[in-house]
Amino acid sequence: MSFPSKVKFEWLNSWEEVWNPTFLEQWQKLIDLDPDAHVFFSPSVVRAWVETQLAFRLIKPRFLIGRQDHKLMLLFPLVLEREGWQGGWVRSLEPAGWNAFDYQNPIMSAPWADHENDVLLADILEKCRAAIGREYDVLRIPFLRASSLTRSESLPQVDEAPFLDLAEVESLDQITVKLSKGWRQDIGRQRRRLEKLGPVEMLTCGPNEGERAKGLFQKLMLFHSERWGYQRNEPAKRRIMTLWRNLATHALPSKLLHVSAIRCGDEVIACSLSFQFNNRFYFYIPASSLKWANYSPGKVHLAMLLEQAIASRIQVFDFLRGNESYKQQWTHMSVPLYRVEERVDGIGPILRTNLQQSVARLRAAAKTVVVRSRSILTPSKLVVRHVKGEKQP
């Protein structure tokens, strides 16, 4: 089953069109009609990401929209980017938020969100090829959440997203009783240990507390960079902080952004930047102080966030991409994530993509040489460290 013949497709090719108040209103109404809509394509989150990208590189909008009787029925916010010499000058067409967020499923109105429409994705890709195929060398959708849009037999699964179903949960005990005995006991034990040192409370930023949230981001950045080893990578820290600040500006007032922290006495020991949308909590970036690691502040924070979610009648607690061991302690349920990548035929696209791959191989070889040369000065065994994107409390 493909799109109805009455649906007319068009493209938004300027940011003026995208941020037009009338279109933004239609965009929000469409999200409200899509039962599978995710927070990462909400207008405020997309705008925060776009402003972040534009601060560091040029991107052009290619938003695919479908209308039926002048009513917006589909939106796929795509952007064109061109790599520099390190990327072989490859031109890519990717969803907004592709390098920061975990899901990129298009937004569709409810009539199309059924299990008969497993060829809609092929239709969308064909629209891209036919209309703007000459503008890009590769079309890439990193993470499609399993839905009626995807066909698992034809798309490669690249990851999974664990989650907890809270629909019938009335208290945290209903969750912890299913955990391993050691994990369950440790949550209570660590909280009691912290309470001996001072009052333990969770701070949550309200929709009008943007400056407070930005203040907590300083702690979050410190904890996050300590854990993943990029304290001295100032360009990376600047890009990440710019995104977080833009999210506080655009998504906190609309109550989509959830910023929280755990304080023991007068000291903040754990932070989280997450999202809340359509009765779903998205556990996005948590981090905790290494100085307090023996007290497992990340584990205590997560338990308190779950308590808050249950009290707020959240239906799903989404751990997002990555099946890290701590997530497996909390749940065995997950949603598969699929990847789409199409390369355009032609001399130009092939030359650019080949150049990109060659540069990538050379850079990888150079990094290996650097790491090995450093290991000569280190008596311990060779360890190659990666700055990871995974999240861990």
Protein backbone atom coordinates (compact mmCIF):
# COMPACT_ATOMS: atom_id res chain seq x y z
CA MET A 1 0.00 0.00 0.00
CA SER A 2 1.46 3.38 -1.01
CA PHE A 3 0.39 6.95 -0.43
CA PRO A 4 -3.11 7.83 -1.67
CA SER A 5 -3.10 9.39 -5.14
CA LYS A 6 -4.74 12.54 -3.80
CA VAL A 7 -1.68 13.34 -1.70
CA LYS A 8 0.37 16.16 -3.17
CA PHE A 9 4.04 16.36 -2.26
CA GLU A 10 6.17 19.46 -2.03
CA TRP A 11 9.47 20.60 -0.57
CA LEU A 12 10.36 23.36 1.87
CA ASN A 13 13.76 24.65 0.74
CA SER A 14 14.30 27.69 2.96
CA TRP A 15 14.41 28.26 6.68
CA GLU A 16 11.92 31.11 6.26
CA GLU A 17 9.35 28.57 5.02
CA VAL A 18 10.19 26.10 7.78
CA TRP A 19 9.85 28.61 10.63
CA ASN A 20 6.73 30.26 9.22
CA PRO A 21 4.24 30.41 12.15
CA THR A 22 1.40 28.98 10.04
CA PHE A 23 3.49 25.97 9.04
CA LEU A 24 4.72 25.47 12.61
CA GLU A 25 1.11 25.27 13.76
CA GLN A 26 0.35 22.66 11.09
CA TRP A 27 3.50 20.77 12.07
CA GLN A 28 2.41 20.58 15.70
CA LYS A 29 -1.09 19.41 14.75
CA LEU A 30 0.41 16.65 12.61
CA ILE A 31 2.52 15.39 15.52
CA ASP A 32 -0.61 15.26 17.66
CA LEU A 33 -2.24 13.02 15.02
CA ASP A 34 0.64 10.56 14.72
CA PRO A 35 0.44 7.78 17.35
CA ASP A 36 4.09 6.87 16.67
CA ALA A 37 5.46 10.43 16.77
CA HIS A 38 8.68 10.90 18.72
CA VAL A 39 10.01 13.98 20.47
CA PHE A 40 13.03 14.47 18.21
CA PHE A 41 10.95 15.79 15.30
CA SER A 42 8.95 18.24 17.39
CA PRO A 43 9.39 21.83 16.12
CA SER A 44 11.26 23.13 19.17
CA VAL A 45 13.75 20.24 19.28
CA VAL A 46 14.41 20.44 15.53
CA ARG A 47 14.91 24.20 15.79
CA ALA A 48 17.44 23.78 18.61
CA TRP A 49 19.41 21.29 16.52
CA VAL A 50 19.26 23.43 13.36
CA GLU A 51 20.52 26.53 15.16
CA THR A 52 23.36 24.45 16.62
CA GLN A 53 24.38 23.07 13.23
CA LEU A 54 24.22 26.49 11.56
CA ALA A 55 26.60 27.84 14.18
CA PHE A 56 29.29 25.46 12.93
CA ARG A 57 28.45 24.54 9.32
CA LEU A 58 26.08 25.22 6.46
CA ILE A 59 22.96 23.08 6.17
CA LYS A 60 20.04 23.55 3.81
CA PRO A 61 16.47 22.41 4.49
CA ARG A 62 14.81 19.87 2.24
CA PHE A 63 11.66 19.20 4.22
CA LEU A 64 9.39 16.72 2.42
CA ILE A 65 5.72 17.35 3.12
CA GLY A 66 2.59 15.64 1.87
CA ARG A 67 -0.82 17.30 1.77
CA GLN A 68 -4.29 15.95 1.10
CA ASP A 69 -7.01 18.54 0.50
CA HIS A 70 -4.56 21.18 1.80
CA LYS A 71 -4.18 19.29 5.08
CA LEU A 72 -0.68 18.33 6.18
CA MET A 73 -0.44 14.52 6.26
CA LEU A 74 3.30 13.79 6.23
CA LEU A 75 6.49 15.57 7.25
CA PHE A 76 10.04 14.33 6.90
CA PRO A 77 12.49 17.08 7.97
CA LEU A 78 15.58 16.43 5.85
CA VAL A 79 18.69 18.58 5.48
CA LEU A 80 21.47 18.80 2.91
CA GLU A 81 25.04 18.97 4.17
CA ARG A 82 28.37 18.99 2.38
CA GLU A 83 31.43 17.50 4.04
CA GLY A 84 34.80 19.22 3.99
CA TRP A 85 37.96 17.73 2.52
CA GLN A 86 38.16 15.21 5.37
CA GLY A 87 34.81 13.85 4.24
CA GLY A 88 35.68 13.89 0.55
CA TRP A 89 33.26 16.81 -0.08
CA VAL A 90 30.43 14.27 -0.03
CA ARG A 91 26.94 15.76 -0.23
CA SER A 92 24.54 14.03 2.15
CA LEU A 93 20.79 14.13 2.65
CA GLU A 94 19.92 13.22 6.23
CA PRO A 95 17.14 13.78 8.76
CA ALA A 96 17.32 16.76 11.08
CA GLY A 97 19.03 15.67 14.28
CA TRP A 98 20.80 12.76 12.59
CA ASN A 99 24.04 13.22 14.58
CA ALA A 100 22.46 14.00 17.96
CA PHE A 101 19.20 12.12 18.43
CA ASP A 102 18.09 8.52 18.50
CA TYR A 103 15.03 8.26 16.22
CA GLN A 104 14.32 9.63 12.73
CA ASN A 105 10.92 8.20 11.77
CA PRO A 106 8.87 10.58 9.59
CA ILE A 107 5.72 12.11 11.04
CA MET A 108 2.51 10.80 9.52
CA SER A 109 -1.17 11.27 10.29
CA ALA A 110 -3.03 8.42 11.94
CA PRO A 111 -4.68 6.90 8.79
CA TRP A 112 -1.26 5.89 7.47
CA ALA A 113 0.11 4.57 10.76
CA ASP A 114 -1.22 1.03 10.32
CA HIS A 115 0.47 -2.28 9.61
CA GLU A 116 -0.54 -2.37 5.93
CA ASN A 117 1.73 0.51 4.95
CA ASP A 118 5.08 -1.29 4.88
CA VAL A 119 6.02 0.26 1.53
CA LEU A 120 5.61 3.89 2.56
CA LEU A 121 9.34 4.19 3.23
CA ALA A 122 10.11 3.07 -0.32
CA ASP A 123 7.71 5.75 -1.58
CA ILE A 124 9.47 8.41 0.49
CA LEU A 125 12.89 7.39 -0.82
CA GLU A 126 11.58 7.46 -4.37
CA LYS A 127 10.25 11.00 -3.87
CA CYS A 128 13.73 12.04 -2.75
CA ARG A 129 15.45 10.42 -5.71
CA ALA A 130 13.03 11.86 -8.25
CA ALA A 131 12.93 15.44 -6.93
CA ILE A 132 16.36 16.18 -5.48
CA GLY A 133 18.49 13.17 -6.39
CA ARG A 134 21.03 15.40 -8.14
CA GLU A 135 21.65 17.40 -4.98
CA TYR A 136 23.12 14.60 -2.87
CA ASP A 137 25.59 11.70 -3.12
CA VAL A 138 24.20 9.65 -0.27
CA LEU A 139 20.85 9.50 1.52
CA ARG A 140 21.27 8.29 5.07
CA ILE A 141 18.74 7.61 7.85
CA PRO A 142 20.79 6.34 10.79
CA PHE A 143 18.04 5.11 13.13
CA LEU A 144 14.49 4.15 12.20
CA ARG A 145 12.49 2.84 15.12
CA ALA A 146 10.61 -0.35 14.27
CA SER A 147 7.09 0.56 13.17
CA SER A 148 4.70 0.03 10.29
CA LEU A 149 7.13 2.10 8.23
CA THR A 150 9.96 -0.43 8.37
CA ARG A 151 10.34 -3.95 7.05
CA SER A 152 12.82 -5.88 9.15
CA GLU A 153 13.55 -8.37 6.36
CA SER A 154 14.84 -5.64 4.03
CA LEU A 155 16.56 -3.17 6.39
CA PRO A 156 19.67 -3.93 8.46
CA GLN A 157 19.18 -3.73 12.21
CA VAL A 158 21.95 -1.59 13.68
CA ASP A 159 20.91 -1.21 17.31
CA GLU A 160 18.05 -1.47 19.75
CA ALA A 161 16.33 0.80 22.24
CA PRO A 162 15.39 -0.74 25.61
CA PHE A 163 12.30 0.54 27.39
CA LEU A 164 10.10 -0.02 30.42
CA ASP A 165 6.33 -0.28 30.07
CA LEU A 166 4.88 1.73 32.97
CA ALA A 167 1.23 1.60 31.91
CA GLU A 168 0.20 -0.74 34.76
CA VAL A 169 2.89 0.29 37.25
CA GLU A 170 1.75 2.02 40.45
CA SER A 171 5.03 2.13 42.38
CA LEU A 172 8.78 1.66 41.94
CA ASP A 173 8.54 -1.56 43.97
CA GLN A 174 6.67 -3.21 41.08
CA ILE A 175 9.79 -2.64 38.97
CA THR A 176 12.53 -3.33 41.50
CA VAL A 177 10.95 -6.63 42.57
CA LYS A 178 11.86 -7.96 39.10
CA LEU A 179 15.49 -6.84 39.34
CA SER A 180 18.35 -9.03 40.48
CA LYS A 181 18.61 -9.21 44.25
CA GLY A 182 21.99 -7.50 44.34
CA TRP A 183 20.91 -4.64 42.08
CA ARG A 184 17.67 -4.12 44.01
CA GLN A 185 19.39 -4.03 47.38
CA ASP A 186 22.13 -1.73 46.15
CA ILE A 187 19.65 0.98 45.12
CA GLY A 188 18.29 1.26 48.65
CA ARG A 189 21.68 0.81 50.31
CA GLN A 190 23.35 3.58 48.30
CA ARG A 191 20.53 5.99 48.92
CA ARG A 192 20.75 5.36 52.66
CA ARG A 193 24.52 5.91 52.56
CA LEU A 194 24.03 9.22 50.80
CA GLU A 195 21.35 10.32 53.28
CA LYS A 196 23.83 9.86 56.11
CA LEU A 197 25.99 12.52 54.47
CA GLY A 198 23.19 15.02 53.91
CA PRO A 199 19.65 15.44 52.57
CA VAL A 200 19.19 13.81 49.15
CA GLU A 201 16.82 15.60 46.79
CA MET A 202 16.10 15.74 43.09
CA LEU A 203 16.06 19.15 41.44
CA THR A 204 13.90 19.58 38.33
CA CYS A 205 13.92 22.69 36.14
CA GLY A 206 10.56 24.21 35.31
CA PRO A 207 9.57 25.62 31.90
CA ASN A 208 10.65 29.15 32.89
CA GLU A 209 13.95 28.14 34.48
CA GLY A 210 16.16 28.19 31.42
CA GLU A 211 19.05 29.91 33.19
CA ARG A 212 18.95 27.39 36.00
CA ALA A 213 19.03 24.57 33.46
CA LYS A 214 22.01 26.13 31.69
CA GLY A 215 23.77 26.30 35.05
CA LEU A 216 23.21 22.57 35.60
CA PHE A 217 24.60 21.92 32.11
CA GLN A 218 28.01 23.01 33.41
CA LYS A 219 27.93 20.16 35.91
CA LEU A 220 26.53 17.76 33.33
CA MET A 221 29.35 18.62 30.92
CA LEU A 222 31.95 18.14 33.65
CA PHE A 223 30.58 14.73 34.63
CA HIS A 224 30.03 13.61 31.03
CA SER A 225 33.46 14.66 29.78
CA GLU A 226 35.18 13.04 32.77
CA ARG A 227 33.50 9.74 32.10
CA TRP A 228 34.09 9.67 28.35
CA GLY A 229 37.56 11.22 28.38
CA TYR A 230 37.18 14.38 26.31
CA GLN A 231 37.84 17.01 29.01
CA ARG A 232 40.41 18.74 26.77
CA ASN A 233 38.43 18.50 23.54
CA GLU A 234 37.16 22.06 23.57
CA PRO A 235 35.56 22.01 20.06
CA ALA A 236 33.47 18.96 20.96
CA LYS A 237 32.46 20.45 24.31
CA ARG A 238 31.51 23.74 22.62
CA ARG A 239 29.26 22.00 20.07
CA ILE A 240 27.57 19.87 22.72
CA MET A 241 27.02 22.81 25.06
CA THR A 242 25.59 24.89 22.22
CA LEU A 243 23.00 22.18 21.53
CA TRP A 244 22.06 21.88 25.20
CA ARG A 245 21.67 25.64 25.56
CA ASN A 246 19.53 25.82 22.43
CA LEU A 247 17.36 23.02 23.78
CA ALA A 248 16.90 24.99 27.00
CA THR A 249 15.88 28.02 24.95
CA HIS A 250 13.40 26.26 22.68
CA ALA A 251 12.28 22.97 24.25
CA LEU A 252 12.20 23.75 27.97
CA PRO A 253 9.39 26.35 27.73
CA SER A 254 7.23 23.82 25.84
CA LYS A 255 7.90 21.25 28.62
CA LEU A 256 9.54 18.82 26.21
CA LEU A 257 12.97 19.12 27.81
CA HIS A 258 13.43 17.55 31.23
CA VAL A 259 16.51 18.75 33.15
CA SER A 260 17.14 17.27 36.58
CA ALA A 261 19.90 16.73 39.12
CA ILE A 262 20.53 14.93 42.38
CA ARG A 263 21.91 16.97 45.24
CA CYS A 264 23.41 15.50 48.39
CA GLY A 265 23.65 18.22 50.96
CA ASP A 266 24.92 21.25 49.04
CA GLU A 267 26.66 19.32 46.23
CA VAL A 268 25.23 18.25 42.87
CA ILE A 269 26.37 14.65 42.29
CA ALA A 270 24.37 13.58 39.19
CA CYS A 271 22.55 15.29 36.30
CA SER A 272 20.28 14.30 33.46
CA LEU A 273 19.14 15.97 30.25
CA SER A 274 16.10 14.06 29.04
CA PHE A 275 12.82 14.60 27.21
CA GLN A 276 9.16 14.06 28.00
CA PHE A 277 6.57 13.85 25.26
CA ASN A 278 3.23 12.16 24.69
CA ASN A 279 3.36 10.15 27.94
CA ARG A 280 6.85 8.90 27.12
CA PHE A 281 10.05 9.73 29.00
CA TYR A 282 13.25 9.76 26.92
CA PHE A 283 16.33 9.09 29.11
CA TYR A 284 18.81 10.97 26.92
CA ILE A 285 22.06 12.07 28.62
CA PRO A 286 22.70 11.18 32.26
CA ALA A 287 26.06 11.62 33.98
CA SER A 288 27.32 11.52 37.54
CA SER A 289 30.34 12.66 39.51
CA LEU A 290 33.31 10.30 39.48
CA LYS A 291 34.22 11.61 42.92
CA TRP A 292 30.99 10.12 44.25
CA ALA A 293 31.17 6.91 42.19
CA ASN A 294 31.30 4.66 45.28
CA TYR A 295 27.78 5.87 46.13
CA SER A 296 26.32 5.04 42.68
CA PRO A 297 24.64 8.45 42.27
CA GLY A 298 23.61 7.62 38.70
CA LYS A 299 21.72 4.56 39.86
CA VAL A 300 19.99 6.51 42.63
CA HIS A 301 19.10 9.29 40.18
CA LEU A 302 17.59 6.84 37.71
CA ALA A 303 15.47 5.25 40.44
CA MET A 304 14.19 8.69 41.48
CA LEU A 305 13.40 9.58 37.85
CA LEU A 306 11.40 6.37 37.57
CA GLU A 307 9.49 7.26 40.74
CA GLN A 308 8.70 10.67 39.27
CA ALA A 309 7.63 9.15 35.94
CA ILE A 310 5.28 6.71 37.66
CA ALA A 311 3.74 9.50 39.73
CA SER A 312 3.26 11.56 36.54
CA ARG A 313 1.49 8.62 34.83
CA ILE A 314 4.18 8.24 32.16
CA GLN A 315 3.36 5.20 30.03
CA VAL A 316 6.82 4.36 28.66
CA PHE A 317 10.29 4.99 30.08
CA ASP A 318 12.52 4.94 27.00
CA PHE A 319 16.23 4.25 27.61
CA LEU A 320 16.92 5.14 23.97
CA ARG A 321 19.61 3.72 21.72
CA GLY A 322 22.17 1.27 23.08
CA ASN A 323 21.77 -1.90 25.10
CA GLU A 324 24.29 -1.11 27.84
CA SER A 325 24.52 -3.45 30.81
CA TYR A 326 22.83 -1.09 33.26
CA LYS A 327 19.77 -0.91 30.99
CA GLN A 328 19.61 -4.70 30.87
CA GLN A 329 19.37 -4.68 34.67
CA TRP A 330 16.14 -2.68 34.45
CA THR A 331 14.40 -4.25 31.45
CA HIS A 332 14.55 -6.97 28.84
CA MET A 333 12.16 -5.21 26.44
CA SER A 334 13.53 -3.30 23.47
CA VAL A 335 12.62 -1.95 20.03
CA PRO A 336 14.87 -2.71 17.02
CA LEU A 337 16.47 0.20 15.18
CA TYR A 338 17.11 0.02 11.43
CA ARG A 339 19.37 1.95 9.09
CA VAL A 340 18.79 3.22 5.56
CA GLU A 341 21.65 4.25 3.29
CA GLU A 342 21.42 4.81 -0.45
CA ARG A 343 24.29 5.98 -2.62
CA VAL A 344 23.61 7.79 -5.88
CA ASP A 345 25.10 6.46 -9.11
CA GLY A 346 27.25 8.75 -11.26
CA ILE A 347 30.88 9.71 -11.67
CA GLY A 348 30.78 12.66 -9.25
CA PRO A 349 29.05 10.87 -6.36
CA ILE A 350 31.24 7.79 -6.77
CA LEU A 351 34.46 9.83 -6.81
CA ARG A 352 33.44 11.79 -3.72
CA THR A 353 32.36 8.76 -1.72
CA ASN A 354 35.53 6.87 -2.69
CA LEU A 355 37.60 9.86 -1.58
CA GLN A 356 35.70 9.99 1.70
CA GLN A 357 36.41 6.31 2.36
CA SER A 358 40.10 6.72 1.48
CA VAL A 359 40.51 9.69 3.83
CA ALA A 360 38.73 7.77 6.59
CA ARG A 361 41.12 4.82 6.19
CA LEU A 362 44.15 7.14 6.26
CA ARG A 363 42.92 8.91 9.39
CA ALA A 364 42.24 5.60 11.12
CA ALA A 365 45.74 4.38 10.25
CA ALA A 366 47.24 7.62 11.54
CA LYS A 367 45.37 7.33 14.84
CA THR A 368 46.59 3.76 15.26
CA VAL A 369 50.19 4.91 14.77
CA VAL A 370 49.74 7.68 17.35
CA VAL A 371 48.21 5.32 19.91
CA ARG A 372 50.94 2.74 19.42
CA SER A 373 53.67 5.35 19.71
CA ARG A 374 52.17 6.57 22.97
CA SER A 375 52.00 3.01 24.29
CA ILE A 376 55.81 2.78 24.05
CA LEU A 377 55.99 5.38 26.81
CA THR A 378 53.39 3.56 28.89
CA PRO A 379 54.35 0.30 30.65
CA SER A 380 50.73 -0.81 30.82
CA LYS A 381 49.18 -2.75 27.96
CA LEU A 382 47.88 -0.90 24.91
CA VAL A 383 44.39 0.54 25.38
CA VAL A 384 42.58 2.30 22.54
CA ARG A 385 40.08 4.71 24.06
CA HIS A 386 37.02 5.92 22.19
CA VAL A 387 34.93 8.98 22.90
CA LYS A 388 31.60 7.25 22.98
CA GLY A 389 28.12 8.54 22.33
CA GLU A 390 26.46 5.95 24.55
CA LYS A 391 24.93 7.08 27.79
CA GLN A 392 25.55 5.53 31.16
CA PRO A 393 24.52 6.66 34.63
